[in-house]
Amino acid sequence: MSTRDRAARAVLFDLDGTLLDTAPDMGAALNALRMETGLEPLAPATIRPHVSHGSAALIQLAFGERHVRELDGLRARFLDLYRARLACDTRLFAGGEWTLTELERRGLPWGVVTNKPGWLAEPLLEALGLAHRAGCVIAGDTLPERKPHPRPLLLGAERLATHPSHCVYVGDAERDMVAARAAGMVALVAGFGYIGDWEGAERWPQDGWLHTPEDLIAWLESAPPLPPA
């Protein structure tokens, strides 16, 4: 029985910490901002577990409790700095290229559903040569709703012409798993992503844990058949 018949007809990925290792560039932008404000840079290992939670979480990490207006200004400056080095050191995770190629070889379309705004997500994918390969890119500003709401995932399935029950969603945050379950998709944790020890990821609603990107292919080959759409 083929993978298409057994387990899935499409795969959707979160972006930061799942499809792409964006922490080096986001961390560099955050530390550039800290140095602009007279602060010492943070260690990459300190920043990395927070990257999937977006710019507001990174600003909170780097600058702590401040007036909301000051935090908004810092966040705007951070995004300017990040946009200027969007794809300097960002790459697919090790094994990611093989995984995408294998999905394509098997005729399984894939796409991206991220809370990252489109004005960052789309040029990033373009710079890495992935934009033309992705069957869809649903960004954080594509719809009024964002994850953990299921609607972005449902739109991704629609654009891949696949029923949600035949889609797998891979992500590295609890909101990813909540959204996938609410959308009726298989929810797989990208355990190689930016998951902090404090997050209790073992308690997230999920259908499997991927230690490497290549584990996705092994999961697809061993998973039981999904129900008819």
C-alpha atoms as a PDB file:
ATOM      1  CA  MET A   1       0.000   0.000   0.000  1.00  0.00           C
ATOM      2  CA  SER A   2       1.416   3.420  -0.902  1.00  0.00           C
ATOM      3  CA  THR A   3       2.081   6.219   1.550  1.00  0.00           C
ATOM      4  CA  ARG A   4      -0.713   8.195  -0.084  1.00  0.00           C
ATOM      5  CA  ASP A   5      -3.194   5.411   0.732  1.00  0.00           C
ATOM      6  CA  ARG A   6      -1.832   4.595   4.170  1.00  0.00           C
ATOM      7  CA  ALA A   7      -1.298   7.766   6.077  1.00  0.00           C
ATOM      8  CA  ALA A   8      -1.678  11.158   4.428  1.00  0.00           C
ATOM      9  CA  ARG A   9      -2.277  13.051   1.236  1.00  0.00           C
ATOM     10  CA  ALA A  10      -0.597  16.324   2.252  1.00  0.00           C
ATOM     11  CA  VAL A  11       1.717  17.746   4.899  1.00  0.00           C
ATOM     12  CA  LEU A  12       1.603  21.231   6.403  1.00  0.00           C
ATOM     13  CA  PHE A  13       4.520  22.650   8.369  1.00  0.00           C
ATOM     14  CA  ASP A  14       4.963  25.415  10.883  1.00  0.00           C
ATOM     15  CA  LEU A  15       7.882  27.641   9.825  1.00  0.00           C
ATOM     16  CA  ASP A  16      10.127  28.776  12.702  1.00  0.00           C
ATOM     17  CA  GLY A  17      11.538  25.803  14.563  1.00  0.00           C
ATOM     18  CA  THR A  18       9.890  23.230  12.310  1.00  0.00           C
ATOM     19  CA  LEU A  19      10.648  23.736   8.634  1.00  0.00           C
ATOM     20  CA  LEU A  20      13.404  26.314   9.111  1.00  0.00           C
ATOM     21  CA  ASP A  21      16.074  26.920  11.729  1.00  0.00           C
ATOM     22  CA  THR A  22      15.537  30.685  11.969  1.00  0.00           C
ATOM     23  CA  ALA A  23      17.000  31.106  15.464  1.00  0.00           C
ATOM     24  CA  PRO A  24      20.468  32.277  14.309  1.00  0.00           C
ATOM     25  CA  ASP A  25      19.073  35.262  12.387  1.00  0.00           C
ATOM     26  CA  MET A  26      16.338  36.123  14.873  1.00  0.00           C
ATOM     27  CA  GLY A  27      18.804  35.842  17.743  1.00  0.00           C
ATOM     28  CA  ALA A  28      21.358  38.033  15.960  1.00  0.00           C
ATOM     29  CA  ALA A  29      18.707  40.720  15.384  1.00  0.00           C
ATOM     30  CA  LEU A  30      17.636  40.567  19.023  1.00  0.00           C
ATOM     31  CA  ASN A  31      21.211  40.893  20.251  1.00  0.00           C
ATOM     32  CA  ALA A  32      21.853  43.775  17.840  1.00  0.00           C
ATOM     33  CA  LEU A  33      18.911  45.551  19.438  1.00  0.00           C
ATOM     34  CA  ARG A  34      20.200  44.844  22.942  1.00  0.00           C
ATOM     35  CA  MET A  35      23.583  46.287  22.033  1.00  0.00           C
ATOM     36  CA  GLU A  36      21.894  49.367  20.544  1.00  0.00           C
ATOM     37  CA  THR A  37      20.304  49.933  23.949  1.00  0.00           C
ATOM     38  CA  GLY A  38      23.521  49.363  25.896  1.00  0.00           C
ATOM     39  CA  LEU A  39      22.866  45.782  26.984  1.00  0.00           C
ATOM     40  CA  GLU A  40      25.097  42.742  26.641  1.00  0.00           C
ATOM     41  CA  PRO A  41      24.059  40.100  24.088  1.00  0.00           C
ATOM     42  CA  LEU A  42      22.206  37.033  25.282  1.00  0.00           C
ATOM     43  CA  ALA A  43      23.590  33.551  24.706  1.00  0.00           C
ATOM     44  CA  PRO A  44      22.057  31.829  21.645  1.00  0.00           C
ATOM     45  CA  ALA A  45      20.968  28.941  23.884  1.00  0.00           C
ATOM     46  CA  THR A  46      18.955  31.405  25.972  1.00  0.00           C
ATOM     47  CA  ILE A  47      17.163  32.842  22.946  1.00  0.00           C
ATOM     48  CA  ARG A  48      16.557  29.650  20.987  1.00  0.00           C
ATOM     49  CA  PRO A  49      13.672  28.115  23.007  1.00  0.00           C
ATOM     50  CA  HIS A  50      11.689  31.359  22.688  1.00  0.00           C
ATOM     51  CA  VAL A  51      11.944  31.887  18.928  1.00  0.00           C
ATOM     52  CA  SER A  52       8.762  29.974  18.009  1.00  0.00           C
ATOM     53  CA  HIS A  53       6.733  32.265  20.256  1.00  0.00           C
ATOM     54  CA  GLY A  54       7.315  35.282  18.028  1.00  0.00           C
ATOM     55  CA  SER A  55       8.711  38.779  18.277  1.00  0.00           C
ATOM     56  CA  ALA A  56       6.673  39.857  21.309  1.00  0.00           C
ATOM     57  CA  ALA A  57       8.026  36.933  23.340  1.00  0.00           C
ATOM     58  CA  LEU A  58      11.593  37.692  22.240  1.00  0.00           C
ATOM     59  CA  ILE A  59      11.267  41.341  23.233  1.00  0.00           C
ATOM     60  CA  GLN A  60       9.886  40.286  26.602  1.00  0.00           C
ATOM     61  CA  LEU A  61      12.834  37.935  27.056  1.00  0.00           C
ATOM     62  CA  ALA A  62      15.382  40.571  26.099  1.00  0.00           C
ATOM     63  CA  PHE A  63      13.939  43.605  27.880  1.00  0.00           C
ATOM     64  CA  GLY A  64      11.608  42.359  30.602  1.00  0.00           C
ATOM     65  CA  GLU A  65       8.780  44.432  32.043  1.00  0.00           C
ATOM     66  CA  ARG A  66       8.550  47.869  30.433  1.00  0.00           C
ATOM     67  CA  HIS A  67       5.808  50.275  29.435  1.00  0.00           C
ATOM     68  CA  VAL A  68       3.775  48.880  26.559  1.00  0.00           C
ATOM     69  CA  ARG A  69       4.630  51.851  24.339  1.00  0.00           C
ATOM     70  CA  GLU A  70       8.360  51.247  24.860  1.00  0.00           C
ATOM     71  CA  LEU A  71       7.955  47.535  24.145  1.00  0.00           C
ATOM     72  CA  ASP A  72       6.075  48.333  20.936  1.00  0.00           C
ATOM     73  CA  GLY A  73       8.923  50.584  19.817  1.00  0.00           C
ATOM     74  CA  LEU A  74      11.511  47.931  20.621  1.00  0.00           C
ATOM     75  CA  ARG A  75       9.509  45.316  18.738  1.00  0.00           C
ATOM     76  CA  ALA A  76       9.263  47.537  15.640  1.00  0.00           C
ATOM     77  CA  ARG A  77      13.017  48.126  15.697  1.00  0.00           C
ATOM     78  CA  PHE A  78      13.669  44.400  16.182  1.00  0.00           C
ATOM     79  CA  LEU A  79      11.565  43.572  13.118  1.00  0.00           C
ATOM     80  CA  ASP A  80      13.495  46.134  11.056  1.00  0.00           C
ATOM     81  CA  LEU A  81      16.793  44.577  12.149  1.00  0.00           C
ATOM     82  CA  TYR A  82      15.514  41.070  11.482  1.00  0.00           C
ATOM     83  CA  ARG A  83      14.184  41.919   8.034  1.00  0.00           C
ATOM     84  CA  ALA A  84      17.649  43.252   7.112  1.00  0.00           C
ATOM     85  CA  ARG A  85      19.223  39.824   7.836  1.00  0.00           C
ATOM     86  CA  LEU A  86      16.268  37.586   7.092  1.00  0.00           C
ATOM     87  CA  ALA A  87      18.158  34.716   5.448  1.00  0.00           C
ATOM     88  CA  CYS A  88      21.811  35.225   6.391  1.00  0.00           C
ATOM     89  CA  ASP A  89      22.142  32.091   8.516  1.00  0.00           C
ATOM     90  CA  THR A  90      18.653  30.565   8.332  1.00  0.00           C
ATOM     91  CA  ARG A  91      18.520  27.092   6.796  1.00  0.00           C
ATOM     92  CA  LEU A  92      16.357  24.023   6.612  1.00  0.00           C
ATOM     93  CA  PHE A  93      17.006  21.801   9.601  1.00  0.00           C
ATOM     94  CA  ALA A  94      19.459  18.985   8.910  1.00  0.00           C
ATOM     95  CA  GLY A  95      17.537  16.338   6.999  1.00  0.00           C
ATOM     96  CA  GLY A  96      14.886  18.810   5.915  1.00  0.00           C
ATOM     97  CA  GLU A  97      15.869  18.919   2.245  1.00  0.00           C
ATOM     98  CA  TRP A  98      15.815  15.131   2.007  1.00  0.00           C
ATOM     99  CA  THR A  99      12.403  15.062   3.687  1.00  0.00           C
ATOM    100  CA  LEU A 100      10.866  17.625   1.329  1.00  0.00           C
ATOM    101  CA  THR A 101      12.360  15.897  -1.706  1.00  0.00           C
ATOM    102  CA  GLU A 102      10.976  12.575  -0.507  1.00  0.00           C
ATOM    103  CA  LEU A 103       7.495  14.054  -0.036  1.00  0.00           C
ATOM    104  CA  GLU A 104       7.653  15.464  -3.549  1.00  0.00           C
ATOM    105  CA  ARG A 105       8.895  12.157  -4.960  1.00  0.00           C
ATOM    106  CA  ARG A 106       5.930  10.396  -3.379  1.00  0.00           C
ATOM    107  CA  GLY A 107       3.464  12.906  -4.792  1.00  0.00           C
ATOM    108  CA  LEU A 108       2.550  14.381  -1.420  1.00  0.00           C
ATOM    109  CA  PRO A 109       2.067  18.163  -1.615  1.00  0.00           C
ATOM    110  CA  TRP A 110       3.339  20.244   1.267  1.00  0.00           C
ATOM    111  CA  GLY A 111       2.784  23.758   2.482  1.00  0.00           C
ATOM    112  CA  VAL A 112       3.434  26.176   5.315  1.00  0.00           C
ATOM    113  CA  VAL A 113       1.043  27.523   7.936  1.00  0.00           C
ATOM    114  CA  THR A 114       2.776  30.009  10.218  1.00  0.00           C
ATOM    115  CA  ASN A 115       1.982  32.899  12.530  1.00  0.00           C
ATOM    116  CA  LYS A 116       4.942  34.783  11.020  1.00  0.00           C
ATOM    117  CA  PRO A 117       3.609  37.714   8.952  1.00  0.00           C
ATOM    118  CA  GLY A 118       3.617  37.285   5.213  1.00  0.00           C
ATOM    119  CA  TRP A 119       6.009  40.194   4.645  1.00  0.00           C
ATOM    120  CA  LEU A 120       8.635  38.125   6.466  1.00  0.00           C
ATOM    121  CA  ALA A 121       7.584  34.544   5.698  1.00  0.00           C
ATOM    122  CA  GLU A 122       7.216  34.910   1.938  1.00  0.00           C
ATOM    123  CA  PRO A 123      10.559  36.627   1.171  1.00  0.00           C
ATOM    124  CA  LEU A 124      12.301  34.195   3.530  1.00  0.00           C
ATOM    125  CA  LEU A 125      10.966  31.181   1.646  1.00  0.00           C
ATOM    126  CA  GLU A 126      11.825  32.893  -1.637  1.00  0.00           C
ATOM    127  CA  ALA A 127      15.404  33.550  -0.517  1.00  0.00           C
ATOM    128  CA  LEU A 128      15.860  29.878   0.374  1.00  0.00           C
ATOM    129  CA  GLY A 129      14.410  28.620  -2.913  1.00  0.00           C
ATOM    130  CA  LEU A 130      11.359  27.085  -1.243  1.00  0.00           C
ATOM    131  CA  ALA A 131       8.547  29.424  -2.301  1.00  0.00           C
ATOM    132  CA  HIS A 132       7.937  27.707  -5.645  1.00  0.00           C
ATOM    133  CA  ARG A 133       7.993  24.268  -4.005  1.00  0.00           C
ATOM    134  CA  ALA A 134       5.434  25.006  -1.297  1.00  0.00           C
ATOM    135  CA  GLY A 135       1.887  24.282  -2.365  1.00  0.00           C
ATOM    136  CA  CYS A 136       0.636  27.046  -0.084  1.00  0.00           C
ATOM    137  CA  VAL A 137       1.912  29.617   2.379  1.00  0.00           C
ATOM    138  CA  ILE A 138      -0.626  30.703   4.983  1.00  0.00           C
ATOM    139  CA  ALA A 139       0.943  33.479   7.053  1.00  0.00           C
ATOM    140  CA  GLY A 140      -0.049  35.134  10.290  1.00  0.00           C
ATOM    141  CA  ASP A 141      -1.743  37.980   8.446  1.00  0.00           C
ATOM    142  CA  THR A 142      -3.444  35.922   5.716  1.00  0.00           C
ATOM    143  CA  LEU A 143      -6.613  35.669   7.806  1.00  0.00           C
ATOM    144  CA  PRO A 144      -7.994  37.531  10.822  1.00  0.00           C
ATOM    145  CA  GLU A 145      -7.407  34.349  12.849  1.00  0.00           C
ATOM    146  CA  ARG A 146      -4.031  32.870  13.760  1.00  0.00           C
ATOM    147  CA  LYS A 147      -3.011  29.610  15.391  1.00  0.00           C
ATOM    148  CA  PRO A 148      -4.213  28.143  17.758  1.00  0.00           C
ATOM    149  CA  HIS A 149      -7.375  28.859  15.749  1.00  0.00           C
ATOM    150  CA  PRO A 150      -7.824  26.058  13.199  1.00  0.00           C
ATOM    151  CA  ARG A 151      -8.907  28.272  10.315  1.00  0.00           C
ATOM    152  CA  PRO A 152      -5.385  28.888   8.892  1.00  0.00           C
ATOM    153  CA  LEU A 153      -4.789  25.125   8.802  1.00  0.00           C
ATOM    154  CA  LEU A 154      -8.154  24.531   7.151  1.00  0.00           C
ATOM    155  CA  LEU A 155      -7.291  27.112   4.488  1.00  0.00           C
ATOM    156  CA  GLY A 156      -3.958  25.353   3.947  1.00  0.00           C
ATOM    157  CA  ALA A 157      -5.730  22.047   3.359  1.00  0.00           C
ATOM    158  CA  GLU A 158      -8.143  23.733   0.963  1.00  0.00           C
ATOM    159  CA  ARG A 159      -5.288  25.224  -1.062  1.00  0.00           C
ATOM    160  CA  LEU A 160      -3.618  21.816  -1.242  1.00  0.00           C
ATOM    161  CA  ALA A 161      -6.948  20.365  -2.425  1.00  0.00           C
ATOM    162  CA  THR A 162      -6.903  17.877   0.441  1.00  0.00           C
ATOM    163  CA  HIS A 163      -9.512  17.076   3.089  1.00  0.00           C
ATOM    164  CA  PRO A 164      -8.258  18.103   6.559  1.00  0.00           C
ATOM    165  CA  SER A 165      -8.558  14.527   7.816  1.00  0.00           C
ATOM    166  CA  HIS A 166      -5.933  13.503   5.243  1.00  0.00           C
ATOM    167  CA  CYS A 167      -3.470  16.233   6.279  1.00  0.00           C
ATOM    168  CA  VAL A 168      -0.579  16.001   8.711  1.00  0.00           C
ATOM    169  CA  TYR A 169       0.464  19.151  10.546  1.00  0.00           C
ATOM    170  CA  VAL A 170       3.981  19.372  11.997  1.00  0.00           C
ATOM    171  CA  GLY A 171       4.837  22.038  14.571  1.00  0.00           C
ATOM    172  CA  ASP A 172       6.964  22.785  17.614  1.00  0.00           C
ATOM    173  CA  ALA A 173       4.505  24.687  19.828  1.00  0.00           C
ATOM    174  CA  GLU A 174       1.422  23.764  21.813  1.00  0.00           C
ATOM    175  CA  ARG A 175      -0.712  26.121  19.707  1.00  0.00           C
ATOM    176  CA  ASP A 176       0.298  24.080  16.640  1.00  0.00           C
ATOM    177  CA  MET A 177      -1.006  20.868  18.164  1.00  0.00           C
ATOM    178  CA  VAL A 178      -4.198  22.530  19.429  1.00  0.00           C
ATOM    179  CA  ALA A 179      -4.872  23.998  15.985  1.00  0.00           C
ATOM    180  CA  ALA A 180      -4.182  20.690  14.238  1.00  0.00           C
ATOM    181  CA  ARG A 181      -6.516  18.766  16.518  1.00  0.00           C
ATOM    182  CA  ALA A 182      -9.243  21.409  16.121  1.00  0.00           C
ATOM    183  CA  ALA A 183      -8.845  21.204  12.332  1.00  0.00           C
ATOM    184  CA  GLY A 184      -9.196  17.415  12.396  1.00  0.00           C
ATOM    185  CA  MET A 185      -5.620  16.849  11.238  1.00  0.00           C
ATOM    186  CA  VAL A 186      -2.905  14.517  12.447  1.00  0.00           C
ATOM    187  CA  ALA A 187      -0.727  16.503  14.878  1.00  0.00           C
ATOM    188  CA  LEU A 188       3.015  15.703  14.968  1.00  0.00           C
ATOM    189  CA  VAL A 189       5.487  17.448  17.276  1.00  0.00           C
ATOM    190  CA  ALA A 190       8.756  18.652  15.765  1.00  0.00           C
ATOM    191  CA  GLY A 191      10.808  17.599  18.757  1.00  0.00           C
ATOM    192  CA  PHE A 192      13.967  18.946  17.114  1.00  0.00           C
ATOM    193  CA  GLY A 193      12.509  22.473  17.202  1.00  0.00           C
ATOM    194  CA  TYR A 194      12.442  25.275  19.744  1.00  0.00           C
ATOM    195  CA  ILE A 195      10.733  23.578  22.678  1.00  0.00           C
ATOM    196  CA  GLY A 196      11.657  24.788  26.159  1.00  0.00           C
ATOM    197  CA  ASP A 197      11.992  22.333  29.026  1.00  0.00           C
ATOM    198  CA  TRP A 198       9.325  24.284  30.932  1.00  0.00           C
ATOM    199  CA  GLU A 199       6.634  23.819  28.264  1.00  0.00           C
ATOM    200  CA  GLY A 200       5.520  20.323  29.227  1.00  0.00           C
ATOM    201  CA  ALA A 201       5.433  19.204  25.608  1.00  0.00           C
ATOM    202  CA  GLU A 202       4.757  15.601  26.601  1.00  0.00           C
ATOM    203  CA  ARG A 203       1.279  16.765  27.691  1.00  0.00           C
ATOM    204  CA  TRP A 204       0.406  18.488  24.411  1.00  0.00           C
ATOM    205  CA  PRO A 205      -2.381  16.934  22.341  1.00  0.00           C
ATOM    206  CA  GLN A 206      -0.487  15.099  19.608  1.00  0.00           C
ATOM    207  CA  ASP A 207      -0.304  11.951  17.516  1.00  0.00           C
ATOM    208  CA  GLY A 208       3.444  11.482  17.358  1.00  0.00           C
ATOM    209  CA  TRP A 209       6.886  12.900  18.072  1.00  0.00           C
ATOM    210  CA  LEU A 210       9.543  13.527  15.422  1.00  0.00           C
ATOM    211  CA  HIS A 211      13.123  13.580  16.690  1.00  0.00           C
ATOM    212  CA  THR A 212      14.442  14.585  13.259  1.00  0.00           C
ATOM    213  CA  PRO A 213      12.802  15.844  10.055  1.00  0.00           C
ATOM    214  CA  GLU A 214      13.451  12.448   8.448  1.00  0.00           C
ATOM    215  CA  ASP A 215      11.254  10.827  11.104  1.00  0.00           C
ATOM    216  CA  LEU A 216       8.260  12.261   9.243  1.00  0.00           C
ATOM    217  CA  ILE A 217       8.822   9.857   6.355  1.00  0.00           C
ATOM    218  CA  ALA A 218       9.208   6.926   8.733  1.00  0.00           C
ATOM    219  CA  TRP A 219       5.989   7.968  10.483  1.00  0.00           C
ATOM    220  CA  LEU A 220       4.103   8.171   7.183  1.00  0.00           C
ATOM    221  CA  GLU A 221       5.290   4.688   6.228  1.00  0.00           C
ATOM    222  CA  SER A 222       4.296   3.093   9.521  1.00  0.00           C
ATOM    223  CA  ALA A 223       1.073   4.949  10.327  1.00  0.00           C
ATOM    224  CA  PRO A 224      -2.255   3.115  10.087  1.00  0.00           C
ATOM    225  CA  PRO A 225      -4.676   4.140   7.339  1.00  0.00           C
ATOM    226  CA  LEU A 226      -6.578   7.352   7.956  1.00  0.00           C
ATOM    227  CA  PRO A 227     -10.389   7.340   7.784  1.00  0.00           C
ATOM    228  CA  PRO A 228     -12.078   8.183   4.479  1.00  0.00           C
ATOM    229  CA  ALA A 229     -12.623  11.912   3.884  1.00  0.00           C
END
